PDB file of N, CA and C in Angstrom:
ATOM      1  N   VAL A   1       2.339 167.183  -3.400  1.00  0.00           N
ATOM      2  CA  VAL A   1       1.022 167.343  -2.780  1.00  0.00           C
ATOM      3  C   VAL A   1       0.528 168.747  -3.087  1.00  0.00           C
ATOM      4  N   ASN A   2      -0.667 168.832  -3.650  1.00  0.00           N
ATOM      5  CA  ASN A   2      -1.202 170.154  -3.978  1.00  0.00           C
ATOM      6  C   ASN A   2      -2.108 170.674  -2.863  1.00  0.00           C
ATOM      7  N   SER A   3      -2.585 171.910  -3.005  1.00  0.00           N
ATOM      8  CA  SER A   3      -3.399 172.520  -1.953  1.00  0.00           C
ATOM      9  C   SER A   3      -4.723 171.783  -1.751  1.00  0.00           C
ATOM     10  N   PHE A   4      -5.273 171.192  -2.827  1.00  0.00           N
ATOM     11  CA  PHE A   4      -6.493 170.397  -2.656  1.00  0.00           C
ATOM     12  C   PHE A   4      -6.224 169.226  -1.719  1.00  0.00           C
ATOM     13  N   ASP A   5      -5.097 168.559  -1.923  1.00  0.00           N
ATOM     14  CA  ASP A   5      -4.732 167.427  -1.067  1.00  0.00           C
ATOM     15  C   ASP A   5      -4.569 167.865   0.386  1.00  0.00           C
ATOM     16  N   LEU A   6      -3.811 168.913   0.603  1.00  0.00           N
ATOM     17  CA  LEU A   6      -3.540 169.367   1.971  1.00  0.00           C
ATOM     18  C   LEU A   6      -4.815 169.719   2.719  1.00  0.00           C
ATOM     19  N   ARG A   7      -5.673 170.485   2.076  1.00  0.00           N
ATOM     20  CA  ARG A   7      -6.912 170.910   2.743  1.00  0.00           C
ATOM     21  C   ARG A   7      -7.869 169.748   2.962  1.00  0.00           C
ATOM     22  N   ARG A   8      -7.957 168.842   1.995  1.00  0.00           N
ATOM     23  CA  ARG A   8      -8.858 167.689   2.166  1.00  0.00           C
ATOM     24  C   ARG A   8      -8.324 166.747   3.245  1.00  0.00           C
ATOM     25  N   ARG A   9      -7.001 166.596   3.322  1.00  0.00           N
ATOM     26  CA  ARG A   9      -6.413 165.753   4.374  1.00  0.00           C
ATOM     27  C   ARG A   9      -6.719 166.311   5.762  1.00  0.00           C
ATOM     28  N   LYS A  10      -6.600 167.621   5.912  1.00  0.00           N
ATOM     29  CA  LYS A  10      -6.920 168.237   7.200  1.00  0.00           C
ATOM     30  C   LYS A  10      -8.393 168.032   7.551  1.00  0.00           C
ATOM     31  N   THR A  11      -9.251 168.194   6.564  1.00  0.00           N
ATOM     32  CA  THR A  11     -10.682 167.996   6.778  1.00  0.00           C
ATOM     33  C   THR A  11     -10.977 166.548   7.156  1.00  0.00           C
ATOM     34  N   ALA A  12     -10.364 165.603   6.440  1.00  0.00           N
ATOM     35  CA  ALA A  12     -10.569 164.182   6.723  1.00  0.00           C
ATOM     36  C   ALA A  12     -10.073 163.827   8.123  1.00  0.00           C
ATOM     37  N   LYS A  13      -8.949 164.387   8.516  1.00  0.00           N
ATOM     38  CA  LYS A  13      -8.387 164.119   9.843  1.00  0.00           C
ATOM     39  C   LYS A  13      -9.327 164.630  10.936  1.00  0.00           C
ATOM     40  N   ILE A  14      -9.865 165.808  10.748  1.00  0.00           N
ATOM     41  CA  ILE A  14     -10.814 166.365  11.716  1.00  0.00           C
ATOM     42  C   ILE A  14     -12.067 165.499  11.779  1.00  0.00           C
ATOM     43  N   ALA A  15     -12.554 165.063  10.627  1.00  0.00           N
ATOM     44  CA  ALA A  15     -13.730 164.185  10.593  1.00  0.00           C
ATOM     45  C   ALA A  15     -13.440 162.891  11.347  1.00  0.00           C
ATOM     46  N   GLN A  16     -12.303 162.300  11.064  1.00  0.00           N
ATOM     47  CA  GLN A  16     -11.915 161.045  11.717  1.00  0.00           C
ATOM     48  C   GLN A  16     -11.766 161.241  13.235  1.00  0.00           C
ATOM     49  N   ASP A  17     -11.080 162.279  13.645  1.00  0.00           N
ATOM     50  CA  ASP A  17     -10.854 162.554  15.070  1.00  0.00           C
ATOM     51  C   ASP A  17     -12.146 162.799  15.836  1.00  0.00           C
ATOM     52  N   ASN A  18     -13.175 163.268  15.133  1.00  0.00           N
ATOM     53  CA  ASN A  18     -14.440 163.590  15.788  1.00  0.00           C
ATOM     54  C   ASN A  18     -15.523 162.535  15.563  1.00  0.00           C
ATOM     55  N   GLY A  19     -15.124 161.384  15.005  1.00  0.00           N
ATOM     56  CA  GLY A  19     -16.050 160.270  14.876  1.00  0.00           C
ATOM     57  C   GLY A  19     -17.036 160.348  13.723  1.00  0.00           C
ATOM     58  N   PHE A  20     -16.775 161.228  12.758  1.00  0.00           N
ATOM     59  CA  PHE A  20     -17.636 161.297  11.581  1.00  0.00           C
ATOM     60  C   PHE A  20     -17.236 160.204  10.603  1.00  0.00           C
ATOM     61  N   ASP A  21     -18.177 159.743   9.791  1.00  0.00           N
ATOM     62  CA  ASP A  21     -17.844 158.717   8.808  1.00  0.00           C
ATOM     63  C   ASP A  21     -17.824 159.258   7.385  1.00  0.00           C
ATOM     64  N   ILE A  22     -18.118 160.553   7.240  1.00  0.00           N
ATOM     65  CA  ILE A  22     -18.159 161.171   5.915  1.00  0.00           C
ATOM     66  C   ILE A  22     -17.681 162.621   6.022  1.00  0.00           C
ATOM     67  N   PHE A  23     -17.093 163.134   4.939  1.00  0.00           N
ATOM     68  CA  PHE A  23     -16.717 164.545   4.880  1.00  0.00           C
ATOM     69  C   PHE A  23     -16.985 165.064   3.472  1.00  0.00           C
ATOM     70  N   ALA A  24     -16.969 166.386   3.335  1.00  0.00           N
ATOM     71  CA  ALA A  24     -17.298 167.016   2.052  1.00  0.00           C
ATOM     72  C   ALA A  24     -16.496 168.302   1.903  1.00  0.00           C
ATOM     73  N   THR A  25     -16.713 168.979   0.807  1.00  0.00           N
ATOM     74  CA  THR A  25     -16.087 170.279   0.559  1.00  0.00           C
ATOM     75  C   THR A  25     -17.051 171.159  -0.213  1.00  0.00           C
ATOM     76  N   THR A  26     -16.871 172.457  -0.057  1.00  0.00           N
ATOM     77  CA  THR A  26     -17.651 173.415  -0.846  1.00  0.00           C
ATOM     78  C   THR A  26     -16.872 173.903  -2.062  1.00  0.00           C
ATOM     79  N   LEU A  27     -15.652 173.389  -2.249  1.00  0.00           N
ATOM     80  CA  LEU A  27     -14.816 173.853  -3.359  1.00  0.00           C
ATOM     81  C   LEU A  27     -15.488 173.706  -4.718  1.00  0.00           C
ATOM     82  N   SER A  28     -16.345 172.698  -4.869  1.00  0.00           N
ATOM     83  CA  SER A  28     -16.920 172.443  -6.196  1.00  0.00           C
ATOM     84  C   SER A  28     -17.973 173.472  -6.597  1.00  0.00           C
ATOM     85  N   ILE A  29     -18.273 174.446  -5.738  1.00  0.00           N
ATOM     86  CA  ILE A  29     -19.212 175.496  -6.133  1.00  0.00           C
ATOM     87  C   ILE A  29     -18.545 176.531  -7.038  1.00  0.00           C
ATOM     88  N   SER A  30     -17.236 176.617  -6.959  1.00  0.00           N
ATOM     89  CA  SER A  30     -16.510 177.613  -7.748  1.00  0.00           C
ATOM     90  C   SER A  30     -16.556 177.278  -9.238  1.00  0.00           C
ATOM     91  N   PRO A  31     -16.884 178.270 -10.065  1.00  0.00           N
ATOM     92  CA  PRO A  31     -16.864 178.041 -11.509  1.00  0.00           C
ATOM     93  C   PRO A  31     -15.437 177.866 -12.032  1.00  0.00           C
ATOM     94  N   HIS A  32     -14.453 178.121 -11.185  1.00  0.00           N
ATOM     95  CA  HIS A  32     -13.048 178.009 -11.587  1.00  0.00           C
ATOM     96  C   HIS A  32     -12.411 176.690 -11.147  1.00  0.00           C
ATOM     97  N   LYS A  33     -13.163 175.840 -10.469  1.00  0.00           N
ATOM     98  CA  LYS A  33     -12.625 174.574  -9.962  1.00  0.00           C
ATOM     99  C   LYS A  33     -13.268 173.410 -10.706  1.00  0.00           C
ATOM    100  N   ASN A  34     -12.482 172.383 -10.967  1.00  0.00           N
ATOM    101  CA  ASN A  34     -12.959 171.195 -11.665  1.00  0.00           C
ATOM    102  C   ASN A  34     -13.495 170.191 -10.637  1.00  0.00           C
ATOM    103  N   SER A  35     -14.800 170.009 -10.624  1.00  0.00           N
ATOM    104  CA  SER A  35     -15.441 169.123  -9.650  1.00  0.00           C
ATOM    105  C   SER A  35     -14.976 167.682  -9.776  1.00  0.00           C
ATOM    106  N   ASP A  36     -14.711 167.241 -10.992  1.00  0.00           N
ATOM    107  CA  ASP A  36     -14.245 165.863 -11.180  1.00  0.00           C
ATOM    108  C   ASP A  36     -12.928 165.627 -10.449  1.00  0.00           C
ATOM    109  N   ILE A  37     -12.011 166.563 -10.570  1.00  0.00           N
ATOM    110  CA  ILE A  37     -10.712 166.434  -9.893  1.00  0.00           C
ATOM    111  C   ILE A  37     -10.897 166.503  -8.377  1.00  0.00           C
ATOM    112  N   ILE A  38     -11.703 167.445  -7.915  1.00  0.00           N
ATOM    113  CA  ILE A  38     -11.965 167.575  -6.478  1.00  0.00           C
ATOM    114  C   ILE A  38     -12.553 166.278  -5.926  1.00  0.00           C
ATOM    115  N   ASN A  39     -13.493 165.683  -6.652  1.00  0.00           N
ATOM    116  CA  ASN A  39     -14.123 164.439  -6.193  1.00  0.00           C
ATOM    117  C   ASN A  39     -13.148 163.256  -6.209  1.00  0.00           C
ATOM    118  N   ILE A  40     -12.291 163.194  -7.208  1.00  0.00           N
ATOM    119  CA  ILE A  40     -11.277 162.123  -7.265  1.00  0.00           C
ATOM    120  C   ILE A  40     -10.349 162.229  -6.054  1.00  0.00           C
ATOM    121  N   ILE A  41      -9.874 163.438  -5.781  1.00  0.00           N
ATOM    122  CA  ILE A  41      -8.985 163.654  -4.637  1.00  0.00           C
ATOM    123  C   ILE A  41      -9.714 163.322  -3.338  1.00  0.00           C
ATOM    124  N   GLY A  42     -10.937 163.789  -3.209  1.00  0.00           N
ATOM    125  CA  GLY A  42     -11.718 163.519  -1.994  1.00  0.00           C
ATOM    126  C   GLY A  42     -11.900 162.037  -1.753  1.00  0.00           C
ATOM    127  N   ASN A  43     -12.213 161.283  -2.794  1.00  0.00           N
ATOM    128  CA  ASN A  43     -12.402 159.834  -2.647  1.00  0.00           C
ATOM    129  C   ASN A  43     -11.103 159.119  -2.303  1.00  0.00           C
ATOM    130  N   ARG A  44     -10.006 159.558  -2.902  1.00  0.00           N
ATOM    131  CA  ARG A  44      -8.716 158.948  -2.593  1.00  0.00           C
ATOM    132  C   ARG A  44      -8.344 159.166  -1.126  1.00  0.00           C
ATOM    133  N   ILE A  45      -8.527 160.374  -0.655  1.00  0.00           N
ATOM    134  CA  ILE A  45      -8.207 160.687   0.736  1.00  0.00           C
ATOM    135  C   ILE A  45      -9.175 159.976   1.684  1.00  0.00           C
ATOM    136  N   ALA A  46     -10.432 159.889   1.306  1.00  0.00           N
ATOM    137  CA  ALA A  46     -11.416 159.177   2.135  1.00  0.00           C
ATOM    138  C   ALA A  46     -10.980 157.736   2.362  1.00  0.00           C
ATOM    139  N   GLN A  47     -10.490 157.083   1.328  1.00  0.00           N
ATOM    140  CA  GLN A  47     -10.003 155.702   1.477  1.00  0.00           C
ATOM    141  C   GLN A  47      -8.846 155.631   2.457  1.00  0.00           C
ATOM    142  N   GLN A  48      -7.946 156.586   2.396  1.00  0.00           N
ATOM    143  CA  GLN A  48      -6.780 156.596   3.283  1.00  0.00           C
ATOM    144  C   GLN A  48      -7.178 156.762   4.751  1.00  0.00           C
ATOM    145  N   PHE A  49      -8.298 157.462   5.002  1.00  0.00           N
ATOM    146  CA  PHE A  49      -8.749 157.714   6.365  1.00  0.00           C
ATOM    147  C   PHE A  49      -9.919 156.807   6.763  1.00  0.00           C
ATOM    148  N   ASN A  50     -10.253 155.850   5.893  1.00  0.00           N
ATOM    149  CA  ASN A  50     -11.371 154.937   6.144  1.00  0.00           C
ATOM    150  C   ASN A  50     -12.678 155.711   6.355  1.00  0.00           C
ATOM    151  N   LEU A  51     -12.901 156.677   5.484  1.00  0.00           N
ATOM    152  CA  LEU A  51     -14.099 157.516   5.512  1.00  0.00           C
ATOM    153  C   LEU A  51     -14.790 157.464   4.155  1.00  0.00           C
ATOM    154  N   LYS A  52     -15.928 158.124   4.069  1.00  0.00           N
ATOM    155  CA  LYS A  52     -16.607 158.328   2.794  1.00  0.00           C
ATOM    156  C   LYS A  52     -16.488 159.809   2.451  1.00  0.00           C
ATOM    157  N   PHE A  53     -16.504 160.105   1.153  1.00  0.00           N
ATOM    158  CA  PHE A  53     -16.468 161.485   0.680  1.00  0.00           C
ATOM    159  C   PHE A  53     -17.766 161.773  -0.053  1.00  0.00           C
ATOM    160  N   LEU A  54     -18.418 162.865   0.291  1.00  0.00           N
ATOM    161  CA  LEU A  54     -19.649 163.263  -0.377  1.00  0.00           C
ATOM    162  C   LEU A  54     -19.290 163.962  -1.681  1.00  0.00           C
ATOM    163  N   GLU A  55     -19.415 163.223  -2.774  1.00  0.00           N
ATOM    164  CA  GLU A  55     -19.124 163.816  -4.088  1.00  0.00           C
ATOM    165  C   GLU A  55     -20.165 164.874  -4.410  1.00  0.00           C
ATOM    166  N   SER A  56     -19.698 165.950  -5.012  1.00  0.00           N
ATOM    167  CA  SER A  56     -20.633 167.017  -5.334  1.00  0.00           C
ATOM    168  C   SER A  56     -20.125 167.865  -6.489  1.00  0.00           C
ATOM    169  N   ASP A  57     -21.061 168.525  -7.109  1.00  0.00           N
ATOM    170  CA  ASP A  57     -20.772 169.588  -8.061  1.00  0.00           C
ATOM    171  C   ASP A  57     -21.825 170.652  -7.782  1.00  0.00           C
ATOM    172  N   TRP A  58     -21.521 171.500  -6.830  1.00  0.00           N
ATOM    173  CA  TRP A  58     -22.499 172.486  -6.371  1.00  0.00           C
ATOM    174  C   TRP A  58     -22.795 173.549  -7.414  1.00  0.00           C
ATOM    175  N   LYS A  59     -22.094 173.538  -8.545  1.00  0.00           N
ATOM    176  CA  LYS A  59     -22.369 174.506  -9.610  1.00  0.00           C
ATOM    177  C   LYS A  59     -23.648 174.156 -10.372  1.00  0.00           C
ATOM    178  N   LYS A  60     -24.031 172.900 -10.340  1.00  0.00           N
ATOM    179  CA  LYS A  60     -25.191 172.455 -11.120  1.00  0.00           C
ATOM    180  C   LYS A  60     -26.453 173.212 -10.707  1.00  0.00           C
ATOM    181  N   GLU A  61     -27.347 173.347 -11.652  1.00  0.00           N
ATOM    182  CA  GLU A  61     -28.642 174.007 -11.440  1.00  0.00           C
ATOM    183  C   GLU A  61     -28.474 175.404 -10.840  1.00  0.00           C
ATOM    184  N   ASP A  62     -27.543 176.159 -11.405  1.00  0.00           N
ATOM    185  CA  ASP A  62     -27.278 177.543 -10.973  1.00  0.00           C
ATOM    186  C   ASP A  62     -26.826 177.643  -9.523  1.00  0.00           C
ATOM    187  N   GLY A  63     -26.165 176.617  -9.024  1.00  0.00           N
ATOM    188  CA  GLY A  63     -25.716 176.590  -7.635  1.00  0.00           C
ATOM    189  C   GLY A  63     -24.835 177.768  -7.261  1.00  0.00           C
ATOM    190  N   TYR A  64     -23.910 178.122  -8.146  1.00  0.00           N
ATOM    191  CA  TYR A  64     -23.030 179.251  -7.846  1.00  0.00           C
ATOM    192  C   TYR A  64     -23.834 180.545  -7.742  1.00  0.00           C
ATOM    193  N   LYS A  65     -24.720 180.760  -8.697  1.00  0.00           N
ATOM    194  CA  LYS A  65     -25.549 181.967  -8.697  1.00  0.00           C
ATOM    195  C   LYS A  65     -26.419 182.016  -7.440  1.00  0.00           C
ATOM    196  N   LYS A  66     -27.020 180.876  -7.079  1.00  0.00           N
ATOM    197  CA  LYS A  66     -27.855 180.820  -5.879  1.00  0.00           C
ATOM    198  C   LYS A  66     -27.038 181.101  -4.625  1.00  0.00           C
ATOM    199  N   SER A  67     -25.811 180.569  -4.576  1.00  0.00           N
ATOM    200  CA  SER A  67     -24.979 180.795  -3.392  1.00  0.00           C
ATOM    201  C   SER A  67     -24.645 182.277  -3.248  1.00  0.00           C
ATOM    202  N   CYS A  68     -24.406 182.950  -4.364  1.00  0.00           N
ATOM    203  CA  CYS A  68     -24.114 184.384  -4.324  1.00  0.00           C
ATOM    204  C   CYS A  68     -25.328 185.176  -3.837  1.00  0.00           C
ATOM    205  N   GLU A  69     -26.503 184.803  -4.324  1.00  0.00           N
ATOM    206  CA  GLU A  69     -27.734 185.483  -3.917  1.00  0.00           C
ATOM    207  C   GLU A  69     -28.001 185.300  -2.423  1.00  0.00           C
ATOM    208  N   ILE A  70     -27.865 184.074  -1.933  1.00  0.00           N
ATOM    209  CA  ILE A  70     -28.091 183.795  -0.510  1.00  0.00           C
ATOM    210  C   ILE A  70     -27.073 184.545   0.338  1.00  0.00           C
ATOM    211  N   SER A  71     -25.820 184.526  -0.083  1.00  0.00           N
ATOM    212  CA  SER A  71     -24.765 185.219   0.661  1.00  0.00           C
ATOM    213  C   SER A  71     -25.047 186.710   0.760  1.00  0.00           C
ATOM    214  N   ARG A  72     -25.452 187.307  -0.348  1.00  0.00           N
ATOM    215  CA  ARG A  72     -25.766 188.738  -0.352  1.00  0.00           C
ATOM    216  C   ARG A  72     -26.942 189.034   0.576  1.00  0.00           C
ATOM    217  N   LYS A  73     -27.986 188.241   0.441  1.00  0.00           N
ATOM    218  CA  LYS A  73     -29.199 188.442   1.235  1.00  0.00           C
ATOM    219  C   LYS A  73     -28.926 188.296   2.735  1.00  0.00           C
ATOM    220  N   GLU A  74     -28.107 187.313   3.096  1.00  0.00           N
ATOM    221  CA  GLU A  74     -27.844 187.019   4.509  1.00  0.00           C
ATOM    222  C   GLU A  74     -26.635 187.767   5.069  1.00  0.00           C
ATOM    223  N   GLY A  75     -25.921 188.490   4.200  1.00  0.00           N
ATOM    224  CA  GLY A  75     -24.764 189.248   4.650  1.00  0.00           C
ATOM    225  C   GLY A  75     -23.548 188.385   4.966  1.00  0.00           C
ATOM    226  N   PHE A  76     -23.439 187.214   4.307  1.00  0.00           N
ATOM    227  CA  PHE A  76     -22.299 186.327   4.522  1.00  0.00           C
ATOM    228  C   PHE A  76     -21.046 186.918   3.887  1.00  0.00           C
ATOM    229  N   TYR A  77     -19.919 186.666   4.522  1.00  0.00           N
ATOM    230  CA  TYR A  77     -18.641 187.059   3.942  1.00  0.00           C
ATOM    231  C   TYR A  77     -18.329 186.113   2.786  1.00  0.00           C
ATOM    232  N   ARG A  78     -17.926 186.666   1.678  1.00  0.00           N
ATOM    233  CA  ARG A  78     -17.482 185.861   0.529  1.00  0.00           C
ATOM    234  C   ARG A  78     -16.132 186.368   0.093  1.00  0.00           C
ATOM    235  N   GLN A  79     -15.190 185.491   0.117  1.00  0.00           N
ATOM    236  CA  GLN A  79     -13.837 185.812  -0.329  1.00  0.00           C
ATOM    237  C   GLN A  79     -13.872 186.010  -1.836  1.00  0.00           C
ATOM    238  N   ASN A  80     -13.288 187.087  -2.340  1.00  0.00           N
ATOM    239  CA  ASN A  80     -13.347 187.363  -3.783  1.00  0.00           C
ATOM    240  C   ASN A  80     -12.108 186.861  -4.515  1.00  0.00           C
ATOM    241  N   TYR A  81     -11.398 185.914  -3.901  1.00  0.00           N
ATOM    242  CA  TYR A  81     -10.269 185.261  -4.554  1.00  0.00           C
ATOM    243  C   TYR A  81     -10.188 183.844  -4.009  1.00  0.00           C
ATOM    244  N   CYS A  82      -9.468 182.974  -4.679  1.00  0.00           N
ATOM    245  CA  CYS A  82      -9.469 181.561  -4.309  1.00  0.00           C
ATOM    246  C   CYS A  82      -8.689 181.260  -3.038  1.00  0.00           C
ATOM    247  N   GLY A  83      -7.834 182.171  -2.635  1.00  0.00           N
ATOM    248  CA  GLY A  83      -7.049 181.940  -1.429  1.00  0.00           C
ATOM    249  C   GLY A  83      -5.565 181.733  -1.690  1.00  0.00           C
ATOM    250  N   CYS A  84      -5.201 181.452  -2.923  1.00  0.00           N
ATOM    251  CA  CYS A  84      -3.774 181.272  -3.212  1.00  0.00           C
ATOM    252  C   CYS A  84      -3.100 182.638  -3.304  1.00  0.00           C
ATOM    253  N   ARG A  85      -1.808 182.641  -3.141  1.00  0.00           N
ATOM    254  CA  ARG A  85      -1.082 183.905  -3.141  1.00  0.00           C
ATOM    255  C   ARG A  85      -1.145 184.633  -4.487  1.00  0.00           C
ATOM    256  N   TYR A  86      -1.335 183.884  -5.571  1.00  0.00           N
ATOM    257  CA  TYR A  86      -1.373 184.498  -6.895  1.00  0.00           C
ATOM    258  C   TYR A  86      -2.688 185.260  -7.111  1.00  0.00           C
ATOM    259  N   SER A  87      -3.791 184.683  -6.677  1.00  0.00           N
ATOM    260  CA  SER A  87      -5.079 185.345  -6.896  1.00  0.00           C
ATOM    261  C   SER A  87      -5.286 186.492  -5.927  1.00  0.00           C
ATOM    262  N   LYS A  88      -4.597 186.455  -4.801  1.00  0.00           N
ATOM    263  CA  LYS A  88      -4.752 187.515  -3.801  1.00  0.00           C
ATOM    264  C   LYS A  88      -4.227 188.843  -4.325  1.00  0.00           C
ATOM    265  N   ARG A  89      -3.239 188.771  -5.229  1.00  0.00           N
ATOM    266  CA  ARG A  89      -2.678 189.991  -5.812  1.00  0.00           C
ATOM    267  C   ARG A  89      -3.745 190.641  -6.629  1.00  0.00           C
TER     268      ARG A  89
END
């Protein structure tokens, strides 16, 4: 089980526990993440939890660039690494 699986399972469980019928992720905004793989994993987990997964590729139409601009303008915290122990170094 990889980190995508673990995090999506936790998200799906929270969605299910709170009566939602759909869940999503912002992971596909990263230029370093493969949206196709993220969407495949999301759909597989959605089936296991009897939910729907909102497929996305937030990088399209300059999505990553726009997210950076909005974050800067609004003063949002943006992590400058993916979160794994290797990138944190």
